């Protein structure tokens, strides 16, 4: 009998040991903080899915890579980041709409935020910023802060304002020197109503579509042209399917770096600080790359066969798009418009 009891007890010990080992191998486990000597620091591992629609050569991706590097290093591995470029997890609108549910934790997006609140349209208004320095200064200050204050109601946290730069028109029909040259052209425009209305005011036949479908649409001549920043035009290889680039600089293309608010608030205070600081450093890193790349990209585009119209009188473009300010002024509000213009 004693041998039988001993055998039963031994079997129970083995089973319990196996169960304990199995539990210890699960993902996202929490290590007892006392083991590290600091009971105030959580040792949970936080997994981040960072998504955007740019390719791996885009400025969005360069910001994402820097953010991942900084966050993983400064969190000492407590935050692990996987980047999904090229619209792998959806187009811009789908990515933004995945943040409130925490299906995706971080997104960088341009021109999509008016789907949440029309007041974000202020940064999409034609010729709202005089130049890059003006845009960065205002979005890094009162204007950018006021806009990010609108996001918590949508369960989103604004981290930083990155960018793609100013948008310019390309097409395969003729060079653009004035609004008259745009008339009748089928131009792909982002799914952004302010952009759509602005381009229609310039006489364009607007074709809204996701960026992920654009190259094929140009290649198959579904559209005559498109409008995007110089660096994105080059990195997306639009010069292979477009003949003319005109530096109209009609929209400033932001790159809002956003996080799921539920995810952010679930981080310990020290990791929130890591995220906040990494976001600003990654933004500045992206700015430096863009500043260096613009002239280089223009040079390469010319070498690869694009005809570039550099000198354009913007006054006729500005005059024709004033109707957009009349339409959206009340929705945006005078306070935000003043912050953008001052």
Protein backbone atom coordinates (compact mmCIF):
# COMPACT_ATOMS: atom_id res chain seq x y z
CA UNK A 1 0.00 0.00 0.00
CA UNK A 2 2.82 2.41 0.94
CA UNK A 3 4.47 1.77 -2.47
CA UNK A 4 1.18 2.55 -4.24
CA UNK A 5 0.71 5.82 -2.30
CA UNK A 6 4.30 6.86 -3.01
CA UNK A 7 3.78 6.16 -6.69
CA UNK A 8 0.59 8.26 -6.79
CA UNK A 9 2.28 11.17 -4.99
CA UNK A 10 5.26 11.07 -7.36
CA UNK A 11 2.98 11.14 -10.40
CA UNK A 12 1.12 14.14 -8.99
CA UNK A 13 4.36 16.04 -8.46
CA UNK A 14 5.45 15.37 -12.06
CA UNK A 15 2.10 16.54 -13.47
CA UNK A 16 2.14 19.73 -11.39
CA UNK A 17 5.69 20.43 -12.52
CA UNK A 18 4.72 20.07 -16.17
CA UNK A 19 1.75 22.41 -15.72
CA UNK A 20 3.98 25.02 -14.09
CA UNK A 21 6.47 24.80 -16.95
CA UNK A 22 3.69 25.16 -19.51
CA UNK A 23 2.37 28.33 -17.89
CA UNK A 24 5.83 29.84 -17.80
CA UNK A 25 6.17 29.60 -21.59
CA UNK A 26 3.14 31.67 -22.52
CA UNK A 27 3.51 35.01 -24.33
CA UNK A 28 3.09 38.42 -22.68
CA UNK A 29 3.78 37.06 -19.24
CA UNK A 30 4.46 39.32 -16.30
CA UNK A 31 7.67 38.78 -14.40
CA UNK A 32 7.37 39.40 -10.67
CA UNK A 33 8.72 42.91 -10.13
CA UNK A 34 10.35 41.87 -6.87
CA UNK A 35 12.79 39.74 -8.86
CA UNK A 36 14.24 42.91 -10.35
CA UNK A 37 14.50 44.64 -7.03
CA UNK A 38 11.93 47.31 -7.96
CA UNK A 39 8.35 46.64 -6.98
CA UNK A 40 7.17 49.83 -8.74
CA UNK A 41 8.20 48.82 -12.27
CA UNK A 42 5.95 46.46 -14.23
CA UNK A 43 7.78 43.83 -16.24
CA UNK A 44 4.90 43.12 -18.63
CA UNK A 45 5.81 42.89 -22.31
CA UNK A 46 3.70 45.19 -24.50
CA UNK A 47 3.34 44.25 -28.17
CA UNK A 48 2.76 47.03 -30.70
CA UNK A 49 1.51 46.66 -34.25
CA UNK A 50 2.59 49.80 -36.14
CA UNK A 51 0.88 50.17 -39.53
CA UNK A 52 1.02 52.62 -42.43
CA UNK A 53 0.37 52.63 -46.18
CA UNK A 54 3.79 53.82 -47.37
CA UNK A 55 6.37 51.50 -48.89
CA UNK A 56 9.63 50.66 -47.15
CA UNK A 57 11.37 53.64 -48.80
CA UNK A 58 8.73 56.15 -47.70
CA UNK A 59 9.16 58.85 -45.06
CA UNK A 60 6.40 57.23 -43.03
CA UNK A 61 8.43 54.03 -42.87
CA UNK A 62 11.62 55.84 -41.91
CA UNK A 63 9.78 57.46 -39.00
CA UNK A 64 8.30 54.09 -38.03
CA UNK A 65 11.70 52.39 -38.02
CA UNK A 66 13.23 55.13 -35.86
CA UNK A 67 10.29 55.01 -33.46
CA UNK A 68 10.63 51.24 -33.12
CA UNK A 69 14.37 51.53 -32.47
CA UNK A 70 13.94 54.19 -29.79
CA UNK A 71 10.97 52.61 -28.04
CA UNK A 72 12.45 49.13 -27.87
CA UNK A 73 15.83 50.41 -26.69
CA UNK A 74 14.55 52.90 -24.12
CA UNK A 75 11.95 50.49 -22.74
CA UNK A 76 14.71 47.89 -22.37
CA UNK A 77 12.65 45.41 -24.35
CA UNK A 78 9.40 45.87 -22.45
CA UNK A 79 7.77 47.23 -25.60
CA UNK A 80 8.15 45.13 -28.75
CA UNK A 81 7.22 46.71 -32.09
CA UNK A 82 6.27 45.04 -35.38
CA UNK A 83 5.92 47.35 -38.40
CA UNK A 84 3.42 46.63 -41.19
CA UNK A 85 4.10 48.92 -44.19
CA UNK A 86 2.44 49.07 -47.58
CA UNK A 87 -1.15 48.84 -46.40
CA UNK A 88 -0.73 45.26 -45.19
CA UNK A 89 -3.32 45.85 -42.46
CA UNK A 90 -5.60 48.09 -44.54
CA UNK A 91 -5.76 51.47 -46.23
CA UNK A 92 -5.51 54.75 -44.29
CA UNK A 93 -9.13 54.95 -43.19
CA UNK A 94 -9.18 51.33 -42.02
CA UNK A 95 -5.99 51.86 -40.03
CA UNK A 96 -7.33 54.92 -38.22
CA UNK A 97 -10.61 53.16 -37.48
CA UNK A 98 -8.68 50.24 -35.94
CA UNK A 99 -7.11 52.42 -33.24
CA UNK A 100 -10.16 52.91 -30.97
CA UNK A 101 -10.63 49.14 -30.75
CA UNK A 102 -6.89 48.58 -30.13
CA UNK A 103 -6.71 46.13 -33.05
CA UNK A 104 -3.75 48.19 -34.20
CA UNK A 105 -1.73 50.14 -31.64
CA UNK A 106 0.12 52.76 -33.71
CA UNK A 107 -0.56 54.37 -37.09
CA UNK A 108 0.99 57.18 -39.09
CA UNK A 109 -1.46 58.67 -41.54
CA UNK A 110 -1.92 61.71 -43.74
CA UNK A 111 -5.17 63.46 -44.57
CA UNK A 112 -7.51 60.93 -42.95
CA UNK A 113 -8.40 62.57 -39.64
CA UNK A 114 -11.36 64.62 -40.95
CA UNK A 115 -13.32 61.34 -40.97
CA UNK A 116 -13.23 61.66 -37.17
CA UNK A 117 -13.82 65.40 -36.87
CA UNK A 118 -14.18 67.94 -39.68
CA UNK A 119 -12.07 70.43 -37.72
CA UNK A 120 -8.97 68.46 -38.72
CA UNK A 121 -9.61 69.76 -42.23
CA UNK A 122 -7.78 72.94 -41.26
CA UNK A 123 -4.41 71.34 -42.08
CA UNK A 124 -5.76 70.10 -45.43
CA UNK A 125 -6.91 73.50 -46.67
CA UNK A 126 -5.21 74.65 -49.88
CA UNK A 127 -2.21 76.90 -49.35
CA UNK A 128 -2.92 77.18 -45.60
CA UNK A 129 0.82 77.15 -44.79
CA UNK A 130 3.35 79.40 -46.49
CA UNK A 131 6.23 76.92 -46.38
CA UNK A 132 7.60 73.88 -44.54
CA UNK A 133 9.01 75.88 -41.63
CA UNK A 134 5.64 77.57 -41.13
CA UNK A 135 3.80 74.22 -41.11
CA UNK A 136 6.20 72.52 -38.70
CA UNK A 137 6.20 75.45 -36.31
CA UNK A 138 2.41 75.63 -36.08
CA UNK A 139 1.80 71.88 -35.86
CA UNK A 140 4.52 71.60 -33.24
CA UNK A 141 2.82 74.37 -31.27
CA UNK A 142 -0.67 75.63 -30.45
CA UNK A 143 -2.38 74.45 -33.64
CA UNK A 144 -1.07 70.89 -33.40
CA UNK A 145 -1.89 70.68 -29.70
CA UNK A 146 -5.43 71.98 -30.24
CA UNK A 147 -6.04 69.35 -32.91
CA UNK A 148 -4.64 66.49 -30.84
CA UNK A 149 -6.95 67.59 -28.01
CA UNK A 150 -9.85 66.47 -30.23
CA UNK A 151 -8.65 62.86 -30.40
CA UNK A 152 -9.35 61.40 -26.92
CA UNK A 153 -13.10 61.53 -27.62
CA UNK A 154 -12.36 59.02 -30.38
CA UNK A 155 -10.18 56.86 -28.12
CA UNK A 156 -7.03 57.93 -29.94
CA UNK A 157 -3.84 59.51 -28.58
CA UNK A 158 -1.92 62.00 -30.74
CA UNK A 159 1.84 61.50 -30.40
CA UNK A 160 3.50 63.79 -32.96
CA UNK A 161 3.01 65.50 -36.30
CA UNK A 162 5.26 63.96 -38.91
CA UNK A 163 4.92 64.82 -42.57
CA UNK A 164 5.37 63.87 -46.19
CA UNK A 165 5.84 67.45 -47.35
CA UNK A 166 3.90 69.59 -49.82
CA UNK A 167 1.84 67.92 -52.53
CA UNK A 168 2.58 68.52 -56.20
CA UNK A 169 0.78 67.43 -59.36
CA UNK A 170 2.12 64.83 -61.78
CA UNK A 171 0.45 63.64 -64.97
CA UNK A 172 1.12 61.92 -68.27
CA UNK A 173 -0.63 64.44 -70.57
CA UNK A 174 0.98 67.91 -70.31
CA UNK A 175 3.04 70.15 -68.01
CA UNK A 176 1.02 72.25 -65.57
CA UNK A 177 1.84 75.97 -65.51
CA UNK A 178 -1.57 77.36 -64.54
CA UNK A 179 -5.02 76.14 -63.45
CA UNK A 180 -6.09 76.14 -67.10
CA UNK A 181 -3.65 73.30 -67.74
CA UNK A 182 -5.44 71.17 -65.13
CA UNK A 183 -8.87 71.41 -66.73
CA UNK A 184 -10.26 68.08 -67.84
CA UNK A 185 -7.43 65.96 -66.43
CA UNK A 186 -8.42 62.87 -64.44
CA UNK A 187 -6.40 63.22 -61.25
CA UNK A 188 -6.38 60.76 -58.38
CA UNK A 189 -7.01 62.52 -55.08
CA UNK A 190 -6.97 61.11 -51.55
CA UNK A 191 -10.33 60.23 -50.02
CA UNK A 192 -10.49 63.61 -48.31
CA UNK A 193 -13.41 65.91 -49.06
CA UNK A 194 -11.43 69.15 -48.71
CA UNK A 195 -8.87 67.86 -51.21
CA UNK A 196 -11.63 66.72 -53.54
CA UNK A 197 -13.42 70.08 -53.43
CA UNK A 198 -10.16 72.01 -53.85
CA UNK A 199 -9.09 70.08 -56.93
CA UNK A 200 -12.57 70.37 -58.44
CA UNK A 201 -12.35 74.13 -57.92
CA UNK A 202 -9.20 74.03 -60.07
CA UNK A 203 -11.08 72.28 -62.89
CA UNK A 204 -9.85 68.75 -62.28
CA UNK A 205 -11.91 65.62 -62.93
CA UNK A 206 -11.32 64.13 -59.49
CA UNK A 207 -10.97 60.37 -58.98
CA UNK A 208 -10.76 59.52 -55.25
CA UNK A 209 -9.08 56.21 -54.46
CA UNK A 210 -6.82 54.63 -51.81
CA UNK A 211 -3.10 55.22 -52.24
CA UNK A 212 -2.50 51.46 -52.37
CA UNK A 213 -4.36 51.32 -55.72
CA UNK A 214 -2.69 54.35 -57.29
CA UNK A 215 0.31 52.95 -59.16
CA UNK A 216 -1.81 50.40 -61.01
CA UNK A 217 -4.39 53.07 -61.86
CA UNK A 218 -1.65 55.26 -63.37
CA UNK A 219 -0.09 52.33 -65.21
CA UNK A 220 -3.43 51.30 -66.73
CA UNK A 221 -4.35 54.95 -67.45
CA UNK A 222 -7.46 54.80 -65.32
CA UNK A 223 -6.30 58.27 -64.24
CA UNK A 224 -4.06 60.80 -65.98
CA UNK A 225 -2.21 61.89 -62.88
CA UNK A 226 -2.00 62.30 -59.12
CA UNK A 227 -0.71 64.68 -56.46
CA UNK A 228 1.81 63.84 -53.76
CA UNK A 229 5.04 65.14 -52.18
CA UNK A 230 8.26 64.92 -54.18
CA UNK A 231 9.89 62.25 -52.01
CA UNK A 232 6.83 60.02 -52.16
CA UNK A 233 6.58 60.46 -55.92
CA UNK A 234 10.14 59.21 -56.30
CA UNK A 235 10.00 56.40 -53.73
CA UNK A 236 6.73 55.16 -55.25
CA UNK A 237 8.36 55.14 -58.71
CA UNK A 238 5.60 57.23 -60.27
CA UNK A 239 8.21 58.50 -62.74
CA UNK A 240 7.82 55.14 -64.46
CA UNK A 241 4.21 55.96 -65.38
CA UNK A 242 4.15 59.79 -65.34
CA UNK A 243 5.87 62.34 -67.59
CA UNK A 244 5.37 65.72 -65.91
CA UNK A 245 5.81 67.08 -62.39
CA UNK A 246 4.68 70.61 -61.48
CA UNK A 247 5.64 72.09 -58.11
CA UNK A 248 2.21 73.44 -57.25
CA UNK A 249 2.68 72.85 -53.49
CA UNK A 250 -1.08 73.16 -53.03
CA UNK A 251 -1.55 70.95 -49.93
CA UNK A 252 0.74 70.26 -47.00
CA UNK A 253 0.71 66.51 -46.43
CA UNK A 254 0.84 65.80 -42.71
CA UNK A 255 1.79 62.49 -41.14
CA UNK A 256 -0.04 62.24 -37.83
CA UNK A 257 1.57 59.68 -35.51
CA UNK A 258 -1.29 58.17 -33.51
CA UNK A 259 -1.74 55.53 -30.82
CA UNK A 260 -4.72 53.64 -29.46
CA UNK A 261 -5.74 55.55 -26.33
CA UNK A 262 -6.65 52.32 -24.54
CA UNK A 263 -3.18 50.96 -25.24
CA UNK A 264 -1.46 54.19 -24.17
CA UNK A 265 -3.39 54.43 -20.92
CA UNK A 266 -2.61 50.78 -20.20
CA UNK A 267 1.12 51.51 -20.19
CA UNK A 268 2.91 52.26 -16.92
CA UNK A 269 3.92 55.90 -16.47
CA UNK A 270 7.56 55.23 -17.29
CA UNK A 271 6.65 53.60 -20.62
CA UNK A 272 4.26 56.41 -21.50
CA UNK A 273 7.23 58.73 -21.10
CA UNK A 274 9.32 56.47 -23.36
CA UNK A 275 6.61 56.62 -26.04
CA UNK A 276 6.18 60.40 -25.75
CA UNK A 277 9.90 61.13 -26.03
CA UNK A 278 10.52 58.63 -28.83
CA UNK A 279 7.70 60.14 -30.88
CA UNK A 280 9.23 63.62 -30.89
CA UNK A 281 12.75 62.36 -31.61
CA UNK A 282 11.50 60.15 -34.46
CA UNK A 283 9.56 63.12 -35.88
CA UNK A 284 12.67 65.33 -35.90
CA UNK A 285 14.66 62.50 -37.47
CA UNK A 286 12.09 62.28 -40.26
CA UNK A 287 12.21 66.05 -40.81
CA UNK A 288 15.98 65.90 -41.28
CA UNK A 289 15.69 63.13 -43.86
CA UNK A 290 13.00 64.99 -45.81
CA UNK A 291 15.01 68.23 -45.85
CA UNK A 292 18.01 66.37 -47.23
CA UNK A 293 16.04 64.34 -49.77
CA UNK A 294 13.88 66.86 -51.62
CA UNK A 295 16.49 68.27 -54.01
CA UNK A 296 18.07 64.86 -54.42
CA UNK A 297 14.69 63.37 -55.36
CA UNK A 298 14.02 66.15 -57.87
CA UNK A 299 17.39 65.56 -59.46
CA UNK A 300 16.76 61.81 -59.73
CA UNK A 301 13.27 62.34 -61.17
CA UNK A 302 14.74 64.55 -63.91
CA UNK A 303 17.48 62.03 -64.63
CA UNK A 304 14.84 59.33 -64.94
CA UNK A 305 12.89 61.27 -67.56
CA UNK A 306 10.37 63.52 -65.81
CA UNK A 307 9.92 67.08 -67.02
CA UNK A 308 9.72 69.34 -63.94
CA UNK A 309 8.01 72.73 -63.84
CA UNK A 310 9.64 74.49 -60.89
CA UNK A 311 8.48 78.10 -61.23
CA UNK A 312 4.72 78.48 -60.90
CA UNK A 313 2.65 81.56 -60.13
CA UNK A 314 0.49 80.29 -57.26
CA UNK A 315 -1.83 83.30 -57.04
CA UNK A 316 -4.37 81.97 -59.59
CA UNK A 317 -4.46 78.63 -57.73
CA UNK A 318 -5.00 80.41 -54.40
CA UNK A 319 -7.74 82.60 -55.83
CA UNK A 320 -9.69 79.70 -57.34
CA UNK A 321 -9.63 77.68 -54.12
CA UNK A 322 -11.05 80.44 -51.90
CA UNK A 323 -14.47 78.84 -52.35
CA UNK A 324 -13.21 75.95 -50.21
CA UNK A 325 -12.59 78.32 -47.30
CA UNK A 326 -16.11 79.66 -47.69
CA UNK A 327 -17.52 76.12 -47.59
CA UNK A 328 -15.51 74.78 -44.64
CA UNK A 329 -14.79 77.90 -42.61
CA UNK A 330 -17.73 77.46 -40.24
CA UNK A 331 -17.07 73.73 -39.78
CA UNK A 332 -13.42 74.29 -38.90
CA UNK A 333 -14.01 77.35 -36.77
CA UNK A 334 -12.31 80.72 -36.74
CA UNK A 335 -10.07 79.82 -33.79
CA UNK A 336 -8.31 76.97 -35.61
CA UNK A 337 -8.10 78.92 -38.86
CA UNK A 338 -6.50 81.79 -36.98
CA UNK A 339 -3.96 79.47 -35.36
CA UNK A 340 -3.04 78.18 -38.82
CA UNK A 341 -2.80 81.60 -40.42
CA UNK A 342 -1.21 83.73 -37.70
